[in-house]
Amino acid sequence: MLYRYKKSFEKIAMGLMSFMPRERELKKLQQTMHIYEENPDWQLFLWKKEDDFVGLLGIKVDVTSYTIHHISVNPSHRGEGIGHEMIVKIQQIMQDREMIATEETAAFLRKCPLKKGDL
């Protein structure tokens, strides 16, 4: 299930985001978290499986679209379809907005079941 980020999830979110290659350095990771905490257009979600948060999805929302900037799954849960489930859920939440990938997220998103017109 997808949960909206709260400050109390900060350490978990940072841990999940650190699995992304461009977010491994602590200073960069802290800057990224600050963007999500301070800018309402940048939205962060966590995926909970049973009792643990195992996935993270970060987007920037515009009027007609949203861009997937971060998607990460705990390595011990990869291959279970969690990344795809997060994409399906965010498509439901964002409804008629077009989904856009970044250079870093494009390869993964090409493997996902997408709504017509996305990417």
C-alpha atoms as a PDB file:
ATOM      1  CA  MET A   1       0.000   0.000   0.000  1.00  0.00           C
ATOM      2  CA  LEU A   2       1.252   3.495  -0.885  1.00  0.00           C
ATOM      3  CA  TYR A   3       1.600   6.012   1.967  1.00  0.00           C
ATOM      4  CA  ARG A   4       2.249   9.732   1.661  1.00  0.00           C
ATOM      5  CA  TYR A   5       5.583  10.762   3.212  1.00  0.00           C
ATOM      6  CA  LYS A   6       5.567  12.227   6.721  1.00  0.00           C
ATOM      7  CA  LYS A   7       8.545  13.647   8.625  1.00  0.00           C
ATOM      8  CA  SER A   8       8.390  10.646  10.977  1.00  0.00           C
ATOM      9  CA  PHE A   9       9.302   8.441   7.953  1.00  0.00           C
ATOM     10  CA  GLU A  10      12.456  10.465   7.177  1.00  0.00           C
ATOM     11  CA  LYS A  11      15.086   7.850   8.120  1.00  0.00           C
ATOM     12  CA  ILE A  12      13.216   5.082   6.303  1.00  0.00           C
ATOM     13  CA  ALA A  13      12.781   7.273   3.223  1.00  0.00           C
ATOM     14  CA  MET A  14      16.450   8.251   3.215  1.00  0.00           C
ATOM     15  CA  GLY A  15      17.471   4.613   3.513  1.00  0.00           C
ATOM     16  CA  LEU A  16      15.290   3.594   0.566  1.00  0.00           C
ATOM     17  CA  MET A  17      16.339   6.564  -1.541  1.00  0.00           C
ATOM     18  CA  SER A  18      20.022   5.813  -0.905  1.00  0.00           C
ATOM     19  CA  PHE A  19      19.641   2.699  -3.092  1.00  0.00           C
ATOM     20  CA  MET A  20      19.403   5.039  -6.108  1.00  0.00           C
ATOM     21  CA  PRO A  21      22.839   5.626  -7.661  1.00  0.00           C
ATOM     22  CA  ARG A  22      22.647   9.442  -7.657  1.00  0.00           C
ATOM     23  CA  GLU A  23      21.454   9.603  -4.052  1.00  0.00           C
ATOM     24  CA  ARG A  24      24.179   7.612  -2.277  1.00  0.00           C
ATOM     25  CA  GLU A  25      26.135  10.604  -0.988  1.00  0.00           C
ATOM     26  CA  LEU A  26      24.700  11.866   2.318  1.00  0.00           C
ATOM     27  CA  LYS A  27      24.796  15.573   1.422  1.00  0.00           C
ATOM     28  CA  LYS A  28      22.970  14.967  -1.899  1.00  0.00           C
ATOM     29  CA  LEU A  29      20.433  12.741  -0.133  1.00  0.00           C
ATOM     30  CA  GLN A  30      19.732  15.426   2.471  1.00  0.00           C
ATOM     31  CA  GLN A  31      19.278  18.060  -0.262  1.00  0.00           C
ATOM     32  CA  THR A  32      16.806  15.809  -2.085  1.00  0.00           C
ATOM     33  CA  MET A  33      14.819  15.151   1.094  1.00  0.00           C
ATOM     34  CA  HIS A  34      14.705  18.896   1.755  1.00  0.00           C
ATOM     35  CA  ILE A  35      13.144  19.462  -1.708  1.00  0.00           C
ATOM     36  CA  TYR A  36      10.384  16.937  -0.948  1.00  0.00           C
ATOM     37  CA  GLU A  37       9.736  18.410   2.498  1.00  0.00           C
ATOM     38  CA  GLU A  38       9.653  22.074   1.437  1.00  0.00           C
ATOM     39  CA  ASN A  39       8.030  22.075  -2.017  1.00  0.00           C
ATOM     40  CA  PRO A  40       4.377  20.941  -2.286  1.00  0.00           C
ATOM     41  CA  ASP A  41       4.821  20.078  -5.992  1.00  0.00           C
ATOM     42  CA  TRP A  42       7.374  17.417  -5.025  1.00  0.00           C
ATOM     43  CA  GLN A  43       5.576  14.462  -3.445  1.00  0.00           C
ATOM     44  CA  LEU A  44       7.139  11.423  -1.831  1.00  0.00           C
ATOM     45  CA  PHE A  45       5.385   8.111  -1.183  1.00  0.00           C
ATOM     46  CA  LEU A  46       6.426   4.947   0.636  1.00  0.00           C
ATOM     47  CA  TRP A  47       5.229   1.413  -0.098  1.00  0.00           C
ATOM     48  CA  LYS A  48       4.394  -0.741   2.899  1.00  0.00           C
ATOM     49  CA  LYS A  49       4.382  -4.512   2.693  1.00  0.00           C
ATOM     50  CA  GLU A  50       3.135  -6.252   5.802  1.00  0.00           C
ATOM     51  CA  ASP A  51       4.841  -4.283   8.618  1.00  0.00           C
ATOM     52  CA  ASP A  52       7.775  -2.765   6.714  1.00  0.00           C
ATOM     53  CA  PHE A  53       8.275   0.074   4.281  1.00  0.00           C
ATOM     54  CA  VAL A  54      10.059  -1.535   1.338  1.00  0.00           C
ATOM     55  CA  GLY A  55       9.615   0.943  -1.542  1.00  0.00           C
ATOM     56  CA  LEU A  56       9.809   4.634  -2.306  1.00  0.00           C
ATOM     57  CA  LEU A  57       8.363   6.740  -5.121  1.00  0.00           C
ATOM     58  CA  GLY A  58       9.092  10.443  -5.641  1.00  0.00           C
ATOM     59  CA  ILE A  59       7.276  12.645  -8.137  1.00  0.00           C
ATOM     60  CA  LYS A  60       7.041  16.275  -9.203  1.00  0.00           C
ATOM     61  CA  VAL A  61       3.467  17.258 -10.041  1.00  0.00           C
ATOM     62  CA  ASP A  62       2.518  19.831 -12.677  1.00  0.00           C
ATOM     63  CA  VAL A  63      -0.922  20.892 -13.886  1.00  0.00           C
ATOM     64  CA  THR A  64      -1.213  18.286 -16.662  1.00  0.00           C
ATOM     65  CA  SER A  65       1.615  15.871 -15.855  1.00  0.00           C
ATOM     66  CA  TYR A  66       3.840  14.383 -13.189  1.00  0.00           C
ATOM     67  CA  THR A  67       7.460  13.303 -13.423  1.00  0.00           C
ATOM     68  CA  ILE A  68       8.800  10.183 -11.714  1.00  0.00           C
ATOM     69  CA  HIS A  69      12.110  11.343 -10.216  1.00  0.00           C
ATOM     70  CA  HIS A  70      12.756   8.580  -7.712  1.00  0.00           C
ATOM     71  CA  ILE A  71      11.735   4.945  -7.536  1.00  0.00           C
ATOM     72  CA  SER A  72      13.468   2.511  -5.230  1.00  0.00           C
ATOM     73  CA  VAL A  73      12.784  -0.885  -3.696  1.00  0.00           C
ATOM     74  CA  ASN A  74      14.710  -2.491  -0.856  1.00  0.00           C
ATOM     75  CA  PRO A  75      17.092  -4.999  -2.519  1.00  0.00           C
ATOM     76  CA  SER A  76      15.743  -7.876  -0.419  1.00  0.00           C
ATOM     77  CA  HIS A  77      12.278  -7.269  -1.949  1.00  0.00           C
ATOM     78  CA  ARG A  78      13.254  -6.709  -5.576  1.00  0.00           C
ATOM     79  CA  GLY A  79      11.702  -8.971  -8.162  1.00  0.00           C
ATOM     80  CA  GLU A  80       8.381  -9.093  -6.275  1.00  0.00           C
ATOM     81  CA  GLY A  81       6.621  -6.541  -8.502  1.00  0.00           C
ATOM     82  CA  ILE A  82       6.611  -3.786  -5.876  1.00  0.00           C
ATOM     83  CA  GLY A  83       7.989  -1.174  -8.279  1.00  0.00           C
ATOM     84  CA  HIS A  84       5.286  -1.984 -10.813  1.00  0.00           C
ATOM     85  CA  GLU A  85       2.606  -1.874  -8.101  1.00  0.00           C
ATOM     86  CA  MET A  86       3.791   1.588  -7.035  1.00  0.00           C
ATOM     87  CA  ILE A  87       3.553   2.820 -10.642  1.00  0.00           C
ATOM     88  CA  VAL A  88       0.029   1.425 -11.059  1.00  0.00           C
ATOM     89  CA  LYS A  89      -1.064   3.072  -7.799  1.00  0.00           C
ATOM     90  CA  ILE A  90       0.429   6.472  -8.643  1.00  0.00           C
ATOM     91  CA  GLN A  91      -1.289   6.340 -12.048  1.00  0.00           C
ATOM     92  CA  GLN A  92      -4.588   5.842 -10.213  1.00  0.00           C
ATOM     93  CA  ILE A  93      -3.840   8.741  -7.856  1.00  0.00           C
ATOM     94  CA  MET A  94      -2.748  11.112 -10.635  1.00  0.00           C
ATOM     95  CA  GLN A  95      -5.688  10.066 -12.869  1.00  0.00           C
ATOM     96  CA  ASP A  96      -5.642  12.067 -16.123  1.00  0.00           C
ATOM     97  CA  ARG A  97      -2.170  13.565 -15.754  1.00  0.00           C
ATOM     98  CA  GLU A  98       0.540  12.322 -18.121  1.00  0.00           C
ATOM     99  CA  MET A  99       3.413  10.386 -16.528  1.00  0.00           C
ATOM    100  CA  ILE A 100       6.928  11.495 -17.528  1.00  0.00           C
ATOM    101  CA  ALA A 101      10.224   9.747 -16.778  1.00  0.00           C
ATOM    102  CA  THR A 102      13.634  11.193 -16.042  1.00  0.00           C
ATOM    103  CA  GLU A 103      16.796   9.790 -17.568  1.00  0.00           C
ATOM    104  CA  GLU A 104      17.310   7.814 -14.360  1.00  0.00           C
ATOM    105  CA  THR A 105      13.784   6.348 -14.157  1.00  0.00           C
ATOM    106  CA  ALA A 106      13.042   5.820 -17.879  1.00  0.00           C
ATOM    107  CA  ALA A 107      14.530   2.316 -18.200  1.00  0.00           C
ATOM    108  CA  PHE A 108      12.450   0.983 -15.314  1.00  0.00           C
ATOM    109  CA  LEU A 109       9.250   2.708 -16.442  1.00  0.00           C
ATOM    110  CA  ARG A 110       9.535   1.201 -19.921  1.00  0.00           C
ATOM    111  CA  LYS A 111       9.080  -2.222 -18.254  1.00  0.00           C
ATOM    112  CA  CYS A 112       5.911  -1.186 -16.395  1.00  0.00           C
ATOM    113  CA  PRO A 113       2.304  -1.509 -17.491  1.00  0.00           C
ATOM    114  CA  LEU A 114       1.459   2.089 -18.400  1.00  0.00           C
ATOM    115  CA  LYS A 115      -1.706   3.963 -19.181  1.00  0.00           C
ATOM    116  CA  LYS A 116      -2.159   4.872 -22.818  1.00  0.00           C
ATOM    117  CA  GLY A 117      -0.233   8.021 -23.671  1.00  0.00           C
ATOM    118  CA  ASP A 118       2.254   7.849 -20.783  1.00  0.00           C
ATOM    119  CA  LEU A 119       5.966   8.319 -21.439  1.00  0.00           C
END
